Amino acid sequence: MMKKNDLLALLSLIALILLSIHLPDDYVHGFDKHVVDSPYPILIFVVWAGGLLLARERLIGRIILLLGGLVAIGMPVLHLNGHFRPEFATSDGALRFLWILYALGTTGVLIVILALKELVSRSPSPPSRT
């Protein structure tokens, strides 16, 4: 049986891969022409992967994974607002683009839930008053 920590790591890795596919799709479909001009997505991926692979057992690693889940949730929120051009629906890659948005939103919600459960369950209990 898969442990919750392993599931959180697996979902975070899936979301990281989906987001790394989604960003070039943004450029190709004309939603964000500046994504390829900026080093910030690479920095975000490095921090997210570092939190996942190097610090996942520490508090900072769990916080990074939580933030990564929020980023994954943010992608469909930003894009699925009904402002697609009519020709987008028939363009090459539209199905993949939309599928990745739904997959990012779903995995993002699960990441946030698991990361919050882990943060709450591992937080030190307050000192007792006796």
N, C-alpha and C. Protein backbone atom coordinates (compact mmCIF):
# COMPACT_ATOMS: atom_id res chain seq x y z
N MET A 1 0.84 -1.18 0.00
CA MET A 1 0.00 0.00 0.00
C MET A 1 0.89 1.25 0.00
N MET A 2 0.49 2.25 -0.78
CA MET A 2 1.27 3.48 -0.90
C MET A 2 1.04 4.38 0.31
N LYS A 3 2.13 4.88 0.89
CA LYS A 3 2.02 5.80 2.01
C LYS A 3 1.60 7.18 1.50
N LYS A 4 1.00 7.99 2.39
CA LYS A 4 0.54 9.33 2.00
C LYS A 4 1.69 10.19 1.51
N ASN A 5 2.86 10.06 2.15
CA ASN A 5 4.02 10.85 1.75
C ASN A 5 4.46 10.48 0.34
N ASP A 6 4.41 9.17 0.03
CA ASP A 6 4.77 8.73 -1.32
C ASP A 6 3.75 9.23 -2.34
N LEU A 7 2.47 9.22 -1.97
CA LEU A 7 1.43 9.70 -2.86
C LEU A 7 1.59 11.20 -3.12
N LEU A 8 1.91 11.96 -2.07
CA LEU A 8 2.16 13.39 -2.23
C LEU A 8 3.34 13.62 -3.18
N ALA A 9 4.39 12.84 -3.03
CA ALA A 9 5.56 12.99 -3.91
C ALA A 9 5.21 12.63 -5.34
N LEU A 10 4.46 11.55 -5.53
CA LEU A 10 4.09 11.13 -6.88
C LEU A 10 3.19 12.18 -7.55
N LEU A 11 2.20 12.68 -6.84
CA LEU A 11 1.31 13.70 -7.41
C LEU A 11 2.08 14.98 -7.72
N SER A 12 3.01 15.34 -6.86
CA SER A 12 3.82 16.54 -7.10
C SER A 12 4.68 16.37 -8.34
N LEU A 13 5.25 15.19 -8.51
CA LEU A 13 6.05 14.93 -9.70
C LEU A 13 5.19 14.98 -10.96
N ILE A 14 4.00 14.40 -10.90
CA ILE A 14 3.07 14.44 -12.04
C ILE A 14 2.72 15.89 -12.37
N ALA A 15 2.39 16.69 -11.36
CA ALA A 15 2.03 18.09 -11.59
C ALA A 15 3.21 18.87 -12.16
N LEU A 16 4.40 18.59 -11.68
CA LEU A 16 5.60 19.26 -12.18
C LEU A 16 5.81 18.95 -13.67
N ILE A 17 5.63 17.70 -14.04
CA ILE A 17 5.77 17.30 -15.44
C ILE A 17 4.67 17.94 -16.29
N LEU A 18 3.43 17.89 -15.81
CA LEU A 18 2.32 18.49 -16.56
C LEU A 18 2.53 19.99 -16.76
N LEU A 19 3.01 20.67 -15.72
CA LEU A 19 3.24 22.11 -15.84
C LEU A 19 4.39 22.41 -16.81
N SER A 20 5.39 21.54 -16.82
CA SER A 20 6.50 21.77 -17.76
C SER A 20 6.06 21.52 -19.21
N ILE A 21 5.01 20.75 -19.42
CA ILE A 21 4.44 20.59 -20.76
C ILE A 21 3.49 21.75 -21.07
N HIS A 22 2.78 22.21 -20.05
CA HIS A 22 1.79 23.26 -20.25
C HIS A 22 2.41 24.60 -20.65
N LEU A 23 3.53 24.98 -20.04
CA LEU A 23 4.11 26.29 -20.33
C LEU A 23 4.51 26.47 -21.79
N PRO A 24 5.18 25.50 -22.42
CA PRO A 24 5.43 25.67 -23.86
C PRO A 24 4.15 25.69 -24.69
N ASP A 25 3.14 24.95 -24.23
CA ASP A 25 1.84 24.99 -24.91
C ASP A 25 1.24 26.40 -24.86
N ASP A 26 1.43 27.09 -23.74
CA ASP A 26 0.98 28.49 -23.64
C ASP A 26 1.59 29.33 -24.76
N TYR A 27 2.87 29.13 -24.98
CA TYR A 27 3.58 29.89 -26.01
C TYR A 27 3.08 29.51 -27.40
N VAL A 28 2.97 28.22 -27.66
CA VAL A 28 2.58 27.73 -28.99
C VAL A 28 1.17 28.20 -29.35
N HIS A 29 0.27 28.20 -28.38
CA HIS A 29 -1.12 28.59 -28.65
C HIS A 29 -1.35 30.10 -28.53
N GLY A 30 -0.30 30.85 -28.20
CA GLY A 30 -0.40 32.30 -28.18
C GLY A 30 -0.98 32.89 -26.92
N PHE A 31 -1.08 32.10 -25.84
CA PHE A 31 -1.63 32.64 -24.59
C PHE A 31 -0.60 33.46 -23.82
N ASP A 32 0.66 33.07 -23.90
CA ASP A 32 1.72 33.79 -23.20
C ASP A 32 2.97 33.79 -24.08
N LYS A 33 3.21 34.89 -24.74
CA LYS A 33 4.35 35.00 -25.65
C LYS A 33 5.66 35.29 -24.91
N HIS A 34 5.61 35.58 -23.60
CA HIS A 34 6.81 35.94 -22.87
C HIS A 34 7.37 34.81 -22.02
N VAL A 35 6.69 33.67 -22.01
CA VAL A 35 7.13 32.57 -21.16
C VAL A 35 8.51 32.05 -21.58
N VAL A 36 8.83 32.13 -22.86
CA VAL A 36 10.13 31.64 -23.32
C VAL A 36 11.23 32.69 -23.15
N ASP A 37 10.87 33.93 -22.84
CA ASP A 37 11.86 34.99 -22.64
C ASP A 37 12.31 35.11 -21.20
N SER A 38 11.74 34.34 -20.31
CA SER A 38 11.97 34.52 -18.89
C SER A 38 12.61 33.28 -18.26
N PRO A 39 13.57 33.49 -17.35
CA PRO A 39 14.16 32.35 -16.65
C PRO A 39 13.34 31.91 -15.44
N TYR A 40 12.29 32.65 -15.08
CA TYR A 40 11.55 32.37 -13.86
C TYR A 40 10.87 31.00 -13.83
N PRO A 41 10.30 30.52 -14.95
CA PRO A 41 9.74 29.17 -14.87
C PRO A 41 10.77 28.10 -14.51
N ILE A 42 12.00 28.26 -15.00
CA ILE A 42 13.04 27.29 -14.67
C ILE A 42 13.36 27.37 -13.18
N LEU A 43 13.44 28.58 -12.64
CA LEU A 43 13.69 28.73 -11.20
C LEU A 43 12.57 28.11 -10.37
N ILE A 44 11.33 28.31 -10.80
CA ILE A 44 10.20 27.72 -10.09
C ILE A 44 10.28 26.20 -10.14
N PHE A 45 10.61 25.64 -11.30
CA PHE A 45 10.74 24.19 -11.42
C PHE A 45 11.88 23.66 -10.53
N VAL A 46 12.99 24.39 -10.47
CA VAL A 46 14.12 23.95 -9.64
C VAL A 46 13.74 23.95 -8.16
N VAL A 47 13.07 25.01 -7.71
CA VAL A 47 12.65 25.07 -6.31
C VAL A 47 11.64 23.98 -6.00
N TRP A 48 10.66 23.79 -6.90
CA TRP A 48 9.65 22.76 -6.70
C TRP A 48 10.29 21.37 -6.68
N ALA A 49 11.17 21.09 -7.64
CA ALA A 49 11.85 19.79 -7.67
C ALA A 49 12.76 19.61 -6.46
N GLY A 50 13.40 20.69 -6.03
CA GLY A 50 14.24 20.62 -4.83
C GLY A 50 13.42 20.30 -3.59
N GLY A 51 12.27 20.94 -3.48
CA GLY A 51 11.38 20.64 -2.36
C GLY A 51 10.91 19.20 -2.40
N LEU A 52 10.67 18.71 -3.60
CA LEU A 52 10.19 17.34 -3.77
C LEU A 52 11.29 16.31 -3.53
N LEU A 53 12.45 16.51 -4.12
CA LEU A 53 13.49 15.49 -4.10
C LEU A 53 14.48 15.63 -2.95
N LEU A 54 14.71 16.85 -2.49
CA LEU A 54 15.75 17.06 -1.49
C LEU A 54 15.24 17.35 -0.09
N ALA A 55 14.07 17.95 0.01
CA ALA A 55 13.62 18.41 1.33
C ALA A 55 12.19 17.99 1.66
N ARG A 56 11.71 16.93 1.07
CA ARG A 56 10.30 16.59 1.25
C ARG A 56 9.96 16.18 2.67
N GLU A 57 10.91 15.69 3.43
CA GLU A 57 10.65 15.28 4.81
C GLU A 57 10.72 16.46 5.79
N ARG A 58 11.19 17.60 5.32
CA ARG A 58 11.32 18.77 6.19
C ARG A 58 10.12 19.69 6.01
N LEU A 59 9.96 20.59 6.93
CA LEU A 59 8.85 21.54 6.88
C LEU A 59 8.91 22.38 5.61
N ILE A 60 10.08 22.88 5.25
CA ILE A 60 10.20 23.71 4.06
C ILE A 60 9.83 22.93 2.81
N GLY A 61 10.16 21.65 2.75
CA GLY A 61 9.80 20.82 1.61
C GLY A 61 8.29 20.67 1.49
N ARG A 62 7.62 20.47 2.62
CA ARG A 62 6.16 20.35 2.58
C ARG A 62 5.50 21.67 2.18
N ILE A 63 6.06 22.77 2.63
CA ILE A 63 5.52 24.08 2.25
C ILE A 63 5.71 24.31 0.75
N ILE A 64 6.88 23.93 0.22
CA ILE A 64 7.12 24.08 -1.22
C ILE A 64 6.13 23.22 -2.01
N LEU A 65 5.88 22.00 -1.57
CA LEU A 65 4.92 21.14 -2.27
C LEU A 65 3.51 21.73 -2.19
N LEU A 66 3.16 22.31 -1.05
CA LEU A 66 1.86 22.97 -0.93
C LEU A 66 1.75 24.12 -1.92
N LEU A 67 2.78 24.93 -2.02
CA LEU A 67 2.78 26.04 -2.97
C LEU A 67 2.73 25.54 -4.41
N GLY A 68 3.43 24.44 -4.69
CA GLY A 68 3.36 23.84 -6.01
C GLY A 68 1.95 23.38 -6.35
N GLY A 69 1.25 22.83 -5.37
CA GLY A 69 -0.13 22.44 -5.58
C GLY A 69 -1.01 23.65 -5.88
N LEU A 70 -0.75 24.75 -5.20
CA LEU A 70 -1.52 25.97 -5.47
C LEU A 70 -1.23 26.51 -6.87
N VAL A 71 0.02 26.40 -7.31
CA VAL A 71 0.36 26.81 -8.68
C VAL A 71 -0.39 25.94 -9.69
N ALA A 72 -0.44 24.63 -9.42
CA ALA A 72 -1.15 23.71 -10.31
C ALA A 72 -2.64 24.04 -10.37
N ILE A 73 -3.22 24.40 -9.24
CA ILE A 73 -4.64 24.80 -9.22
C ILE A 73 -4.84 26.09 -10.00
N GLY A 74 -3.86 26.97 -9.93
CA GLY A 74 -3.98 28.28 -10.57
C GLY A 74 -4.02 28.24 -12.09
N MET A 75 -3.40 27.23 -12.69
CA MET A 75 -3.38 27.18 -14.16
C MET A 75 -4.78 27.08 -14.78
N PRO A 76 -5.63 26.15 -14.36
CA PRO A 76 -6.97 26.13 -14.96
C PRO A 76 -7.79 27.36 -14.58
N VAL A 77 -7.56 27.90 -13.39
CA VAL A 77 -8.29 29.11 -12.99
C VAL A 77 -7.95 30.26 -13.92
N LEU A 78 -6.67 30.38 -14.30
CA LEU A 78 -6.24 31.45 -15.20
C LEU A 78 -6.76 31.26 -16.62
N HIS A 79 -6.81 30.01 -17.08
CA HIS A 79 -7.13 29.76 -18.48
C HIS A 79 -8.60 29.47 -18.76
N LEU A 80 -9.27 28.79 -17.86
CA LEU A 80 -10.63 28.34 -18.14
C LEU A 80 -11.65 29.40 -17.70
N ASN A 81 -11.56 30.54 -18.32
CA ASN A 81 -12.45 31.65 -17.98
C ASN A 81 -13.34 32.05 -19.14
N GLY A 82 -13.42 31.20 -20.16
CA GLY A 82 -14.31 31.45 -21.30
C GLY A 82 -13.79 32.44 -22.32
N HIS A 83 -12.50 32.72 -22.31
CA HIS A 83 -11.94 33.70 -23.24
C HIS A 83 -11.11 33.07 -24.34
N PHE A 84 -11.45 31.84 -24.72
CA PHE A 84 -10.72 31.20 -25.82
C PHE A 84 -11.21 31.77 -27.14
N ARG A 85 -10.28 31.90 -28.07
CA ARG A 85 -10.67 32.30 -29.43
C ARG A 85 -11.44 31.15 -30.07
N PRO A 86 -12.42 31.43 -30.93
CA PRO A 86 -13.21 30.35 -31.54
C PRO A 86 -12.36 29.35 -32.32
N GLU A 87 -11.30 29.81 -32.96
CA GLU A 87 -10.47 28.89 -33.73
C GLU A 87 -9.60 27.99 -32.86
N PHE A 88 -9.51 28.30 -31.56
CA PHE A 88 -8.70 27.47 -30.66
C PHE A 88 -9.25 26.05 -30.57
N ALA A 89 -10.56 25.90 -30.56
CA ALA A 89 -11.18 24.58 -30.39
C ALA A 89 -10.79 23.62 -31.50
N THR A 90 -10.50 24.12 -32.68
CA THR A 90 -10.14 23.25 -33.81
C THR A 90 -8.64 23.23 -34.08
N SER A 91 -7.86 23.92 -33.26
CA SER A 91 -6.42 23.97 -33.49
C SER A 91 -5.75 22.69 -33.02
N ASP A 92 -4.57 22.42 -33.57
CA ASP A 92 -3.78 21.26 -33.16
C ASP A 92 -3.36 21.44 -31.70
N GLY A 93 -3.54 20.42 -30.92
CA GLY A 93 -3.11 20.46 -29.54
C GLY A 93 -4.12 21.03 -28.57
N ALA A 94 -5.29 21.43 -29.04
CA ALA A 94 -6.29 22.01 -28.13
C ALA A 94 -6.75 20.98 -27.10
N LEU A 95 -6.96 19.73 -27.54
CA LEU A 95 -7.39 18.68 -26.62
C LEU A 95 -6.33 18.46 -25.55
N ARG A 96 -5.06 18.37 -25.96
CA ARG A 96 -3.97 18.17 -25.00
C ARG A 96 -3.89 19.35 -24.02
N PHE A 97 -4.01 20.56 -24.55
CA PHE A 97 -3.94 21.76 -23.72
C PHE A 97 -5.02 21.73 -22.64
N LEU A 98 -6.25 21.45 -23.04
CA LEU A 98 -7.35 21.43 -22.08
C LEU A 98 -7.25 20.26 -21.12
N TRP A 99 -6.83 19.09 -21.62
CA TRP A 99 -6.67 17.92 -20.76
C TRP A 99 -5.62 18.20 -19.69
N ILE A 100 -4.52 18.82 -20.08
CA ILE A 100 -3.47 19.14 -19.11
C ILE A 100 -3.99 20.11 -18.06
N LEU A 101 -4.82 21.08 -18.46
CA LEU A 101 -5.39 22.01 -17.49
C LEU A 101 -6.25 21.28 -16.46
N TYR A 102 -7.11 20.38 -16.94
CA TYR A 102 -7.95 19.62 -16.00
C TYR A 102 -7.11 18.71 -15.11
N ALA A 103 -6.10 18.07 -15.68
CA ALA A 103 -5.23 17.20 -14.89
C ALA A 103 -4.44 18.01 -13.86
N LEU A 104 -3.97 19.20 -14.23
CA LEU A 104 -3.26 20.06 -13.28
C LEU A 104 -4.17 20.48 -12.13
N GLY A 105 -5.39 20.89 -12.46
CA GLY A 105 -6.31 21.30 -11.41
C GLY A 105 -6.62 20.17 -10.45
N THR A 106 -6.84 18.98 -10.99
CA THR A 106 -7.16 17.83 -10.15
C THR A 106 -5.99 17.42 -9.27
N THR A 107 -4.81 17.29 -9.85
CA THR A 107 -3.65 16.91 -9.05
C THR A 107 -3.29 18.01 -8.06
N GLY A 108 -3.48 19.27 -8.45
CA GLY A 108 -3.20 20.38 -7.54
C GLY A 108 -4.05 20.34 -6.29
N VAL A 109 -5.34 20.07 -6.46
CA VAL A 109 -6.23 19.98 -5.30
C VAL A 109 -5.80 18.83 -4.39
N LEU A 110 -5.48 17.69 -4.97
CA LEU A 110 -5.04 16.54 -4.16
C LEU A 110 -3.72 16.84 -3.45
N ILE A 111 -2.80 17.54 -4.13
CA ILE A 111 -1.53 17.91 -3.50
C ILE A 111 -1.77 18.82 -2.31
N VAL A 112 -2.63 19.81 -2.48
CA VAL A 112 -2.91 20.74 -1.38
C VAL A 112 -3.52 19.99 -0.20
N ILE A 113 -4.47 19.10 -0.46
CA ILE A 113 -5.09 18.34 0.63
C ILE A 113 -4.06 17.49 1.36
N LEU A 114 -3.25 16.74 0.60
CA LEU A 114 -2.25 15.88 1.24
C LEU A 114 -1.17 16.68 1.96
N ALA A 115 -0.73 17.78 1.36
CA ALA A 115 0.30 18.59 2.01
C ALA A 115 -0.22 19.22 3.30
N LEU A 116 -1.46 19.70 3.28
CA LEU A 116 -2.04 20.27 4.50
C LEU A 116 -2.21 19.21 5.57
N LYS A 117 -2.67 18.02 5.19
CA LYS A 117 -2.79 16.92 6.16
C LYS A 117 -1.44 16.60 6.78
N GLU A 118 -0.42 16.58 5.95
CA GLU A 118 0.92 16.28 6.45
C GLU A 118 1.45 17.40 7.35
N LEU A 119 1.20 18.64 6.96
CA LEU A 119 1.65 19.76 7.79
C LEU A 119 0.96 19.76 9.14
N VAL A 120 -0.34 19.49 9.15
CA VAL A 120 -1.09 19.49 10.40
C VAL A 120 -0.70 18.30 11.28
N SER A 121 -0.53 17.13 10.66
CA SER A 121 -0.24 15.93 11.46
C SER A 121 1.17 15.93 12.03
N ARG A 122 2.07 16.66 11.41
CA ARG A 122 3.46 16.67 11.89
C ARG A 122 3.82 17.92 12.67
N SER A 123 2.86 18.81 12.87
CA SER A 123 3.17 20.02 13.64
C SER A 123 3.27 19.64 15.11
N PRO A 124 4.18 20.28 15.81
CA PRO A 124 4.34 19.95 17.23
C PRO A 124 3.10 20.36 18.02
N SER A 125 2.75 19.54 18.97
CA SER A 125 1.57 19.86 19.77
C SER A 125 1.94 20.92 20.80
N PRO A 126 0.98 21.79 21.13
CA PRO A 126 1.27 22.84 22.12
C PRO A 126 1.52 22.22 23.49
N PRO A 127 2.33 22.91 24.31
CA PRO A 127 2.60 22.36 25.65
C PRO A 127 1.32 22.30 26.46
N SER A 128 1.21 21.26 27.24
CA SER A 128 -0.01 21.08 28.05
C SER A 128 0.11 21.90 29.32
N ARG A 129 -1.04 22.39 29.76
CA ARG A 129 -1.11 23.16 31.02
C ARG A 129 -1.64 22.23 32.10
N THR A 130 -0.80 21.95 33.05
CA THR A 130 -1.25 21.09 34.14
C THR A 130 -1.11 21.76 35.46
